[in-house]
Protein backbone atom coordinates (compact mmCIF):
# COMPACT_ATOMS: atom_id res chain seq x y z
CA LYS A 1 0.00 0.00 0.00
CA LEU A 2 1.38 3.40 -0.99
CA PRO A 3 1.65 6.13 1.65
CA PRO A 4 -0.69 9.15 1.25
CA PHE A 5 1.63 11.47 -0.69
CA TYR A 6 2.39 8.84 -3.27
CA ALA A 7 -1.13 8.88 -4.65
CA ASN A 8 0.68 10.53 -7.55
CA ILE A 9 3.31 7.82 -7.75
CA VAL A 10 3.83 6.38 -11.23
CA LEU A 11 4.81 2.72 -11.64
CA LEU A 12 6.89 2.14 -14.74
CA ASN A 13 7.81 -1.08 -16.47
CA VAL A 14 11.58 -1.16 -16.89
CA SER A 15 11.28 -2.30 -20.52
CA ASN A 16 9.27 0.71 -21.67
CA LEU A 17 10.55 3.59 -19.56
CA PRO A 18 9.89 6.95 -21.23
CA PHE A 19 12.92 7.95 -23.29
CA ARG A 20 14.19 10.67 -20.94
CA LEU A 21 14.02 8.41 -17.88
CA GLN A 22 15.67 5.57 -19.78
CA LYS A 23 18.49 7.88 -20.87
CA LEU A 24 18.91 9.13 -17.29
CA LYS A 25 19.05 5.54 -16.07
CA GLU A 26 21.79 4.66 -18.56
CA ILE A 27 23.92 7.66 -17.53
CA PHE A 28 23.32 6.81 -13.86
CA ILE A 29 24.55 3.22 -14.33
CA SER A 30 27.58 4.49 -16.22
CA LYS A 31 28.32 7.01 -13.46
CA PHE A 32 27.65 4.97 -10.31
CA GLY A 33 27.90 1.34 -11.50
CA SER A 34 24.39 0.46 -10.31
CA ALA A 35 20.80 1.28 -11.23
CA PRO A 36 18.63 3.96 -9.61
CA LYS A 37 15.81 2.75 -7.36
CA PHE A 38 13.43 5.61 -8.02
CA TYR A 39 13.07 8.96 -9.80
CA VAL A 40 11.59 12.27 -8.63
CA ARG A 41 10.31 15.08 -10.81
CA ALA A 42 9.41 18.65 -9.82
CA PRO A 43 8.17 21.20 -12.39
CA GLY A 44 9.08 24.80 -12.96
CA ARG A 45 6.31 27.37 -12.99
CA VAL A 46 5.15 30.51 -14.69
CA ASN A 47 3.37 33.13 -12.60
CA LEU A 48 0.49 34.56 -14.63
CA ILE A 49 -0.09 37.47 -12.25
CA GLY A 50 0.84 38.39 -8.67
CA GLU A 51 4.51 39.35 -8.69
CA HIS A 52 6.48 39.99 -5.48
CA ILE A 53 3.42 39.67 -3.24
CA ASP A 54 3.64 36.12 -1.89
CA TYR A 55 6.20 37.15 0.72
CA CYS A 56 3.84 39.97 1.67
CA GLY A 57 1.12 37.41 2.49
CA TYR A 58 -0.99 37.84 -0.65
CA ALA A 59 -2.41 35.27 -3.06
CA VAL A 60 -0.69 34.61 -6.38
CA LEU A 61 -1.80 32.88 -9.58
CA PRO A 62 0.82 30.56 -11.13
CA MET A 63 0.71 27.34 -13.11
CA ALA A 64 3.25 24.54 -13.44
CA ILE A 65 5.00 24.13 -16.79
CA GLU A 66 6.33 21.13 -18.67
CA GLN A 67 9.99 22.02 -18.02
CA ASP A 68 11.26 20.38 -14.85
CA ILE A 69 14.00 18.99 -12.62
CA LEU A 70 14.32 15.19 -12.75
CA ILE A 71 16.52 13.24 -10.32
CA ALA A 72 17.45 9.54 -10.43
CA VAL A 73 18.19 8.19 -6.96
CA GLU A 74 19.80 5.20 -5.31
CA PRO A 75 19.85 5.07 -1.48
CA VAL A 76 23.24 3.79 -0.25
CA LYS A 77 24.54 2.38 3.06
CA THR A 78 27.28 4.98 3.49
CA GLN A 79 26.10 8.31 4.95
CA VAL A 80 27.31 10.28 1.96
CA VAL A 81 25.31 12.02 -0.72
CA HIS A 82 26.91 12.00 -4.18
CA LEU A 83 25.44 14.52 -6.63
CA ALA A 84 26.01 14.51 -10.38
CA ASN A 85 24.42 16.42 -13.25
CA THR A 86 23.80 15.46 -16.87
CA ASN A 87 24.94 18.99 -17.78
CA SER A 88 28.75 19.03 -17.72
CA LEU A 89 28.71 22.72 -16.72
CA TYR A 90 27.60 21.63 -13.26
CA LEU A 91 30.38 19.84 -11.39
CA ASP A 92 29.95 16.70 -9.25
CA PHE A 93 29.63 17.20 -5.51
CA SER A 94 29.81 14.90 -2.47
CA THR A 95 29.25 15.53 1.23
CA SER A 96 28.42 13.74 4.45
CA VAL A 97 24.68 13.81 5.18
CA ASN A 98 25.63 14.54 8.81
CA ASN A 99 27.63 17.65 7.98
CA ILE A 100 25.69 19.77 5.48
CA GLN A 101 27.32 23.13 4.72
CA ILE A 102 25.33 25.54 2.52
CA ASN A 103 27.48 28.32 1.10
CA LYS A 104 25.38 31.49 0.80
CA THR A 105 28.18 33.44 -0.86
CA LYS A 106 28.36 31.05 -3.84
CA PRO A 107 24.87 29.87 -4.87
CA GLN A 108 26.09 26.83 -6.83
CA TRP A 109 23.63 24.22 -8.06
CA HIS A 110 24.36 21.63 -5.37
CA ASN A 111 23.55 24.11 -2.59
CA TYR A 112 19.88 24.16 -3.67
CA PHE A 113 19.80 20.36 -3.36
CA LEU A 114 21.35 20.66 0.10
CA CYS A 115 18.57 23.09 1.12
CA GLY A 116 15.90 20.46 0.45
CA LEU A 117 18.00 17.73 2.04
CA GLN A 118 18.59 19.72 5.21
CA GLY A 119 14.97 20.86 5.46
CA ILE A 120 13.62 17.30 5.56
CA GLN A 121 16.37 16.08 7.88
CA GLU A 122 15.67 18.87 10.35
CA HIS A 123 11.89 18.44 10.16
CA PHE A 124 12.12 14.78 11.18
CA GLY A 125 15.21 15.18 13.37
CA LEU A 126 16.96 12.42 11.43
CA ASN A 127 19.99 11.21 13.39
CA ASN A 128 20.98 8.54 10.90
CA PRO A 129 19.94 9.90 7.49
CA THR A 130 20.28 7.73 4.41
CA GLY A 131 23.14 8.39 1.99
CA MET A 132 22.30 8.65 -1.71
CA ASN A 133 23.66 8.59 -5.23
CA CYS A 134 21.75 11.19 -7.26
CA LEU A 135 21.86 12.18 -10.93
CA LEU A 136 20.03 15.33 -11.93
CA ASP A 137 18.66 16.38 -15.32
CA GLY A 138 17.03 19.80 -15.75
CA THR A 139 15.07 21.35 -18.61
CA ILE A 140 14.19 24.67 -16.93
CA PRO A 141 16.41 27.49 -18.26
CA PRO A 142 18.52 28.65 -15.27
CA SER A 143 18.02 32.15 -13.84
CA SER A 144 15.05 32.67 -16.16
CA GLY A 145 12.32 33.43 -13.64
CA LEU A 146 10.73 30.01 -14.16
CA SER A 147 11.74 28.71 -10.73
CA SER A 148 14.56 26.31 -11.58
CA SER A 149 16.14 26.77 -8.14
CA SER A 150 12.91 26.18 -6.21
CA ALA A 151 12.10 23.14 -8.35
CA LEU A 152 15.50 21.73 -7.37
CA VAL A 153 14.86 22.41 -3.67
CA CYS A 154 11.45 20.72 -3.94
CA CYS A 155 12.87 17.78 -5.85
CA ALA A 156 15.62 17.33 -3.25
CA GLY A 157 13.10 17.49 -0.42
CA LEU A 158 10.97 14.77 -2.00
CA VAL A 159 14.08 12.68 -2.78
CA THR A 160 15.16 12.86 0.87
CA LEU A 161 11.65 12.09 2.09
CA ARG A 162 11.35 8.95 -0.04
CA ALA A 163 14.91 7.74 0.57
CA ASN A 164 14.36 7.89 4.32
CA GLY A 165 10.97 6.17 4.23
CA LYS A 166 9.03 9.20 5.51
CA THR A 167 5.74 10.68 4.34
CA LEU A 168 4.24 14.17 4.38
CA SER A 169 1.29 15.86 2.72
CA LYS A 170 1.95 18.06 -0.29
CA VAL A 171 1.07 21.14 1.74
CA GLU A 172 3.56 20.17 4.46
CA LEU A 173 6.23 19.52 1.84
CA ALA A 174 5.62 22.90 0.21
CA GLU A 175 5.90 24.70 3.55
CA ILE A 176 9.10 22.87 4.53
CA CYS A 177 10.73 23.51 1.14
CA THR A 178 9.78 27.20 1.32
CA LYS A 179 11.63 27.51 4.63
CA SER A 180 14.49 25.34 3.34
CA GLU A 181 15.28 27.62 0.40
CA ARG A 182 15.96 30.42 2.88
CA TYR A 183 19.08 28.50 3.94
CA ILE A 184 20.71 29.89 0.80
CA GLY A 185 19.71 33.46 1.69
CA THR A 186 16.62 34.00 -0.48
CA GLU A 187 13.74 35.48 1.54
CA GLY A 188 11.02 33.94 -0.66
CA GLY A 189 7.32 33.72 0.09
CA GLY A 190 6.29 30.22 -0.94
CA MET A 191 4.63 30.53 -4.35
CA ASP A 192 7.24 28.51 -6.25
CA GLN A 193 7.32 25.58 -3.84
CA SER A 194 3.52 25.52 -3.46
CA ILE A 195 2.73 25.28 -7.15
CA SER A 196 5.53 22.74 -7.67
CA PHE A 197 3.75 20.34 -5.29
CA LEU A 198 0.10 21.35 -5.64
CA ALA A 199 -0.18 21.84 -9.42
CA GLU A 200 -2.66 19.76 -11.40
CA GLU A 201 -2.73 19.25 -15.14
CA GLY A 202 -5.13 21.52 -17.01
CA THR A 203 -5.60 24.22 -14.38
CA ALA A 204 -3.76 27.21 -12.98
CA LYS A 205 -3.98 27.73 -9.21
CA LEU A 206 -4.81 30.59 -6.90
CA ILE A 207 -2.27 30.01 -4.12
CA GLU A 208 -3.18 31.56 -0.76
CA PHE A 209 -1.07 31.61 2.39
CA SER A 210 -1.56 31.31 6.16
CA PRO A 211 -2.93 28.69 5.87
CA LEU A 212 -1.57 27.44 2.56
CA ARG A 213 -4.35 26.46 0.15
CA ALA A 214 -4.78 26.14 -3.61
CA THR A 215 -7.90 26.77 -5.68
CA ASP A 216 -8.35 25.73 -9.32
CA VAL A 217 -8.49 28.59 -11.83
CA ARG A 218 -9.77 27.55 -15.24
CA LEU A 219 -8.14 29.70 -17.89
CA PRO A 220 -10.22 30.91 -20.84
CA SER A 221 -10.27 28.89 -24.02
CA GLY A 222 -9.21 30.75 -27.12
CA ALA A 223 -5.95 32.03 -25.67
CA ALA A 224 -2.48 30.55 -25.21
CA PHE A 225 0.16 31.63 -22.72
CA VAL A 226 3.57 32.15 -24.31
CA ILE A 227 6.83 32.33 -22.39
CA ALA A 228 9.68 34.34 -23.89
CA ASN A 229 13.11 34.46 -22.28
CA SER A 230 14.86 37.82 -22.38
CA CYS A 231 18.16 35.87 -22.17
CA VAL A 232 19.24 38.15 -19.33
CA GLU A 233 20.06 35.95 -16.35
CA MET A 234 19.21 36.95 -12.79
CA ASN A 235 20.05 34.80 -9.77
CA LYS A 236 18.05 35.81 -6.67
CA ALA A 237 20.58 34.37 -4.27
CA ALA A 238 23.55 36.00 -5.99
CA THR A 239 22.20 39.58 -5.99
CA SER A 240 20.66 41.89 -3.38
CA HIS A 241 17.76 43.27 -5.49
CA TYR A 242 15.27 40.65 -4.34
CA ASN A 243 16.06 40.73 -0.64
CA ILE A 244 16.09 44.54 -0.60
CA ARG A 245 12.51 44.50 -1.94
CA VAL A 246 11.49 42.05 0.80
CA MET A 247 12.95 44.40 3.42
CA GLU A 248 11.32 47.46 1.85
CA CYS A 249 7.95 45.75 2.17
CA ARG A 250 8.74 44.76 5.76
CA LEU A 251 9.73 48.33 6.62
CA ALA A 252 6.61 49.72 4.93
CA THR A 253 4.60 47.29 7.07
CA LYS A 254 6.26 48.65 10.24
CA LEU A 255 5.69 52.32 9.38
CA LEU A 256 2.07 51.81 8.27
CA SER A 257 1.38 49.81 11.46
CA LYS A 258 2.96 52.44 13.72
CA SER A 259 0.96 55.23 12.07
CA LYS A 260 -2.30 53.36 12.80
CA GLY A 261 -1.46 52.55 16.41
CA LEU A 262 -0.90 48.84 15.80
CA ASP A 263 1.73 46.71 17.54
CA TRP A 264 4.24 47.31 14.76
CA LYS A 265 6.94 45.07 16.24
CA LYS A 266 4.78 42.00 15.61
CA MET A 267 3.80 43.01 12.08
CA LEU A 268 5.91 41.45 9.33
CA LYS A 269 3.82 41.54 6.14
CA LEU A 270 1.75 44.13 4.33
CA HIS A 271 -1.19 41.71 4.42
CA ASP A 272 -1.01 41.80 8.25
CA VAL A 273 -1.75 45.54 8.23
CA GLN A 274 -4.84 45.14 6.06
CA THR A 275 -6.09 42.25 8.19
CA LYS A 276 -5.61 44.10 11.48
CA LEU A 277 -7.29 47.26 10.17
CA GLY A 278 -10.11 45.28 8.53
CA VAL A 279 -10.14 47.44 5.41
CA SER A 280 -10.18 46.77 1.65
CA LEU A 281 -7.18 46.80 -0.68
CA ALA A 282 -8.47 50.06 -2.16
CA GLU A 283 -8.55 51.60 1.32
CA MET A 284 -5.00 50.36 1.96
CA LEU A 285 -3.85 52.22 -1.16
CA THR A 286 -5.40 55.39 0.25
CA ILE A 287 -3.63 54.83 3.59
CA VAL A 288 -0.30 54.41 1.75
CA GLU A 289 -0.89 57.79 0.09
CA GLU A 290 -1.64 59.39 3.45
CA VAL A 291 1.18 57.85 5.50
CA LEU A 292 4.19 57.26 3.25
CA HIS A 293 6.06 59.75 1.07
CA PRO A 294 7.37 58.96 -2.44
CA GLU A 295 10.94 60.05 -1.63
CA PRO A 296 13.29 57.29 -0.45
CA TYR A 297 13.59 56.79 3.31
CA SER A 298 17.05 56.89 4.85
CA THR A 299 17.84 54.44 7.63
CA GLU A 300 18.03 57.45 9.98
CA GLU A 301 14.48 58.52 9.08
CA ILE A 302 13.17 54.97 9.50
CA CYS A 303 14.77 54.74 12.93
CA LYS A 304 13.24 58.10 13.90
CA CYS A 305 9.77 57.04 12.71
CA LEU A 306 9.94 53.80 14.70
CA GLY A 307 11.79 55.22 17.69
CA ILE A 308 14.64 52.72 17.52
CA SER A 309 18.40 52.83 17.09
CA LEU A 310 20.30 51.92 13.93
CA GLU A 311 21.64 48.86 15.73
CA GLU A 312 18.07 47.75 16.58
CA LEU A 313 17.01 48.27 12.96
CA ARG A 314 19.82 46.06 11.71
CA SER A 315 19.57 43.35 14.34
CA GLN A 316 15.78 43.12 14.71
CA ILE A 317 14.34 43.98 11.28
CA LEU A 318 16.83 43.87 8.41
CA SER A 319 18.11 40.58 6.98
CA PRO A 320 21.88 39.87 7.13
CA ASN A 321 22.34 40.64 3.43
CA THR A 322 20.63 44.06 3.58
CA GLN A 323 22.56 45.47 6.57
CA ASP A 324 24.54 47.93 4.47
CA VAL A 325 21.62 49.41 2.47
CA SER A 326 21.26 53.10 3.33
CA SER A 327 17.92 54.04 1.74
CA PHE A 328 14.63 52.29 1.00
CA LYS A 329 11.63 53.07 -1.22
CA LEU A 330 8.59 52.24 0.90
CA TYR A 331 5.76 54.16 -0.81
CA GLN A 332 6.37 52.63 -4.25
CA ARG A 333 6.74 49.06 -2.96
CA ALA A 334 3.57 49.20 -0.86
CA LYS A 335 1.61 50.74 -3.74
CA HIS A 336 2.68 47.91 -6.02
CA VAL A 337 1.85 45.16 -3.51
CA TYR A 338 -1.67 46.35 -2.67
CA SER A 339 -2.58 47.08 -6.31
CA GLU A 340 -1.09 43.79 -7.53
CA ALA A 341 -2.97 41.85 -4.84
CA ALA A 342 -6.20 43.40 -6.13
CA ARG A 343 -5.31 42.46 -9.72
CA VAL A 344 -4.85 38.81 -8.73
CA LEU A 345 -8.33 38.65 -7.20
CA GLU A 346 -9.82 40.38 -10.23
CA PHE A 347 -8.01 37.94 -12.56
CA LYS A 348 -9.52 34.96 -10.73
CA LYS A 349 -12.97 36.57 -10.70
CA ILE A 350 -12.89 37.10 -14.47
CA CYS A 351 -11.77 33.48 -15.04
CA SER A 352 -14.62 32.24 -12.82
CA GLU A 353 -17.33 34.40 -14.37
CA ALA A 354 -16.02 33.99 -17.94
CA PRO A 355 -17.60 37.08 -19.56
CA ALA A 356 -17.52 37.38 -23.36
CA ASN A 357 -14.58 39.81 -23.19
CA ALA A 358 -12.64 37.79 -20.58
CA ILE A 359 -9.45 37.58 -22.66
CA GLN A 360 -9.39 41.34 -23.17
CA LEU A 361 -9.97 42.01 -19.46
CA LEU A 362 -7.27 39.56 -18.36
CA GLY A 363 -4.84 41.08 -20.85
CA GLU A 364 -5.42 44.54 -19.41
CA LEU A 365 -4.65 43.24 -15.91
CA MET A 366 -1.40 41.68 -17.14
CA ASN A 367 -0.39 44.95 -18.79
CA GLN A 368 -1.16 46.93 -15.62
CA SER A 369 0.92 44.42 -13.66
CA HIS A 370 3.95 44.94 -15.87
CA ILE A 371 3.69 48.73 -15.64
CA SER A 372 3.57 48.48 -11.85
CA CYS A 373 6.53 46.07 -11.78
CA ARG A 374 8.49 48.42 -14.01
CA GLU A 375 7.63 51.75 -12.40
CA MET A 376 6.68 51.06 -8.78
CA TYR A 377 8.65 47.91 -7.94
CA GLU A 378 11.51 48.61 -10.36
CA CYS A 379 12.13 44.92 -11.03
CA SER A 380 12.14 45.05 -14.82
CA CYS A 381 15.05 45.77 -17.15
CA PRO A 382 15.40 47.26 -20.67
CA GLU A 383 15.36 43.83 -22.34
CA LEU A 384 12.18 42.75 -20.56
CA ASP A 385 10.47 46.04 -21.44
CA ARG A 386 11.54 45.65 -25.06
CA LEU A 387 10.26 42.07 -25.16
CA VAL A 388 6.90 43.09 -23.67
CA ASP A 389 6.56 45.84 -26.29
CA ILE A 390 7.37 43.38 -29.09
CA CYS A 391 4.86 40.83 -27.80
CA LEU A 392 2.10 43.46 -27.61
CA GLN A 393 3.03 44.77 -31.05
CA PHE A 394 2.61 41.33 -32.62
CA GLY A 395 -0.73 40.35 -31.18
CA ALA A 396 -0.47 39.60 -27.45
CA ILE A 397 -3.53 40.84 -25.56
CA GLY A 398 -1.48 41.09 -22.38
CA SER A 399 2.24 40.75 -21.62
CA ARG A 400 4.30 41.11 -18.47
CA LEU A 401 7.52 40.04 -16.79
CA THR A 402 7.16 36.87 -14.74
CA GLY A 403 9.26 35.72 -11.80
CA ALA A 404 11.54 37.95 -9.77
CA GLY A 405 12.45 40.13 -12.77
CA TRP A 406 15.69 42.03 -13.50
CA GLY A 407 15.98 39.53 -16.35
CA GLY A 408 14.35 36.19 -17.01
CA CYS A 409 11.08 35.78 -18.89
CA THR A 410 7.90 37.45 -19.98
CA VAL A 411 4.52 35.71 -20.17
CA SER A 412 2.04 36.81 -22.83
CA MET A 413 -1.59 35.93 -23.50
CA VAL A 414 -2.10 35.37 -27.22
CA PRO A 415 -5.28 34.43 -29.13
CA THR A 416 -4.80 30.84 -30.30
CA ASP A 417 -5.66 31.71 -33.90
CA LYS A 418 -2.74 34.17 -33.94
CA LEU A 419 -0.24 31.96 -32.11
CA ASN A 420 1.89 30.73 -35.02
CA ILE A 421 2.35 34.15 -36.62
CA PHE A 422 2.99 35.64 -33.15
CA LEU A 423 5.81 33.17 -32.47
CA LYS A 424 7.31 33.78 -35.90
CA ASN A 425 7.27 37.58 -35.52
CA VAL A 426 8.64 37.63 -31.96
CA LYS A 427 11.45 35.29 -32.98
CA LYS A 428 12.35 37.58 -35.85
CA ALA A 429 12.08 40.85 -33.87
CA TYR A 430 13.82 39.82 -30.64
CA TYR A 431 15.94 36.72 -31.18
CA GLU A 432 17.16 36.99 -34.76
CA THR A 433 18.52 40.50 -34.14
CA ASP A 434 21.09 39.19 -31.63
CA VAL A 435 23.54 36.32 -32.14
CA GLN A 436 23.58 35.27 -28.49
CA ARG A 437 19.79 35.31 -28.22
CA LEU A 438 19.43 33.39 -31.46
CA ALA A 439 21.67 30.64 -30.10
CA LEU A 440 19.30 30.25 -27.14
CA GLU A 441 16.05 30.71 -29.08
CA ASN A 442 15.01 27.02 -29.22
CA ASN A 443 14.56 26.92 -25.45
CA SER A 444 13.49 30.54 -25.05
CA LEU A 445 10.17 30.98 -26.83
CA PHE A 446 7.30 28.55 -26.38
CA ALA A 447 3.58 28.26 -25.68
CA THR A 448 2.70 26.44 -22.48
CA LYS A 449 -0.31 25.04 -20.66
CA PRO A 450 -0.91 24.06 -17.02
CA GLY A 451 1.16 21.01 -16.06
CA ARG A 452 1.14 18.56 -13.17
CA GLY A 453 2.98 18.85 -9.87
CA ALA A 454 5.83 16.85 -8.32
CA LEU A 455 5.90 13.10 -8.87
CA VAL A 456 7.76 10.02 -7.74
CA PHE A 457 8.51 7.33 -10.35
CA VAL A 458 9.47 3.77 -9.44
CA GLU A 459 10.07 0.85 -11.75
CA ALA A 460 7.41 -1.86 -11.64
């Protein structure tokens, strides 16, 4: 009898393994001299709308994609984990499972695996964790905003769970893997890990937090979602942009709370302020206008507003990797979060009600989202803006950056009857004008549909 999580387990006959798994098995045998005992897959994701608001406590609307992380695994008697990758750019790595060291200064591929490994070990308090031989194969473009790093953390968590004979619900796994990824220094909110585990084929999901829950969102027929990679890489763990935004939202939370007489020391997320005040998102936008000023806040001004010292600010509020930041934009970040949260709810409402002009309405929300990301959250870049303009020029009803930004991908909603000519024109306008982009074009421009979540494969 299979444990609860493995309701999604897939039993495969060794003689007719799907080609990719069979190829992975052959490389594994060549590498380790024995066959894998099971395989784990975790998908990447594309966020349709709701950027940079999960860590503020607000619902987001992603879907899983076909591209994924796939790991072949053999539990071993020695307490060592051996990691290898089918991509020769990623070097082999070995470590004792009893002495995991995650290097935050160098976010190399194996450190994301170690995050998932450590998260499961700590959750169960494993004193004698199982060693493993693991071979990884990934089809998610790295640093593209499609959640390759989180998919690897999730995959590693599920690998460790299975290898050690433990079981958890998908929700528990998502929550553990969200916390685990923070070991590498990324202050994420949980969207990526949640959709990786909770996704179902054929539907996007509204992901809500505290408590974590997922609701099906049926996307309109007559439109395809197209992902286009700007070919500008951005690694969240290797740069400070992302974590600075998280801190700006946290500081905005503190100042808004203090101004309304709330216990600001206990308030961490912008959603907390709305909940405590019991007001609408529209009313929160008005409060932001009344309380915060558009000019950047210096650390001295923040300390004065909160009545604390600079040392208290750094030790009690700021994350270790934002200690040296001297000014923060609070007004703009809060404006983006509250308006984007409202757009997510409106997007779901339109999908549920399915009016005749649903595609047009959803496209307008996507366009508003990109403008807010570009102007208020400042997480776009010239290449992303150019790509959005090209996509809209050639027939997209809506187009926006997706993922953290500062590079990575756009997602566009395109009428299905215009899809082929759209792909042809975008390829010509964006990829064929640049030699480096053209070399990456085969994996950079594609239509996608909602895929399934994480799976365990074992041979029958």
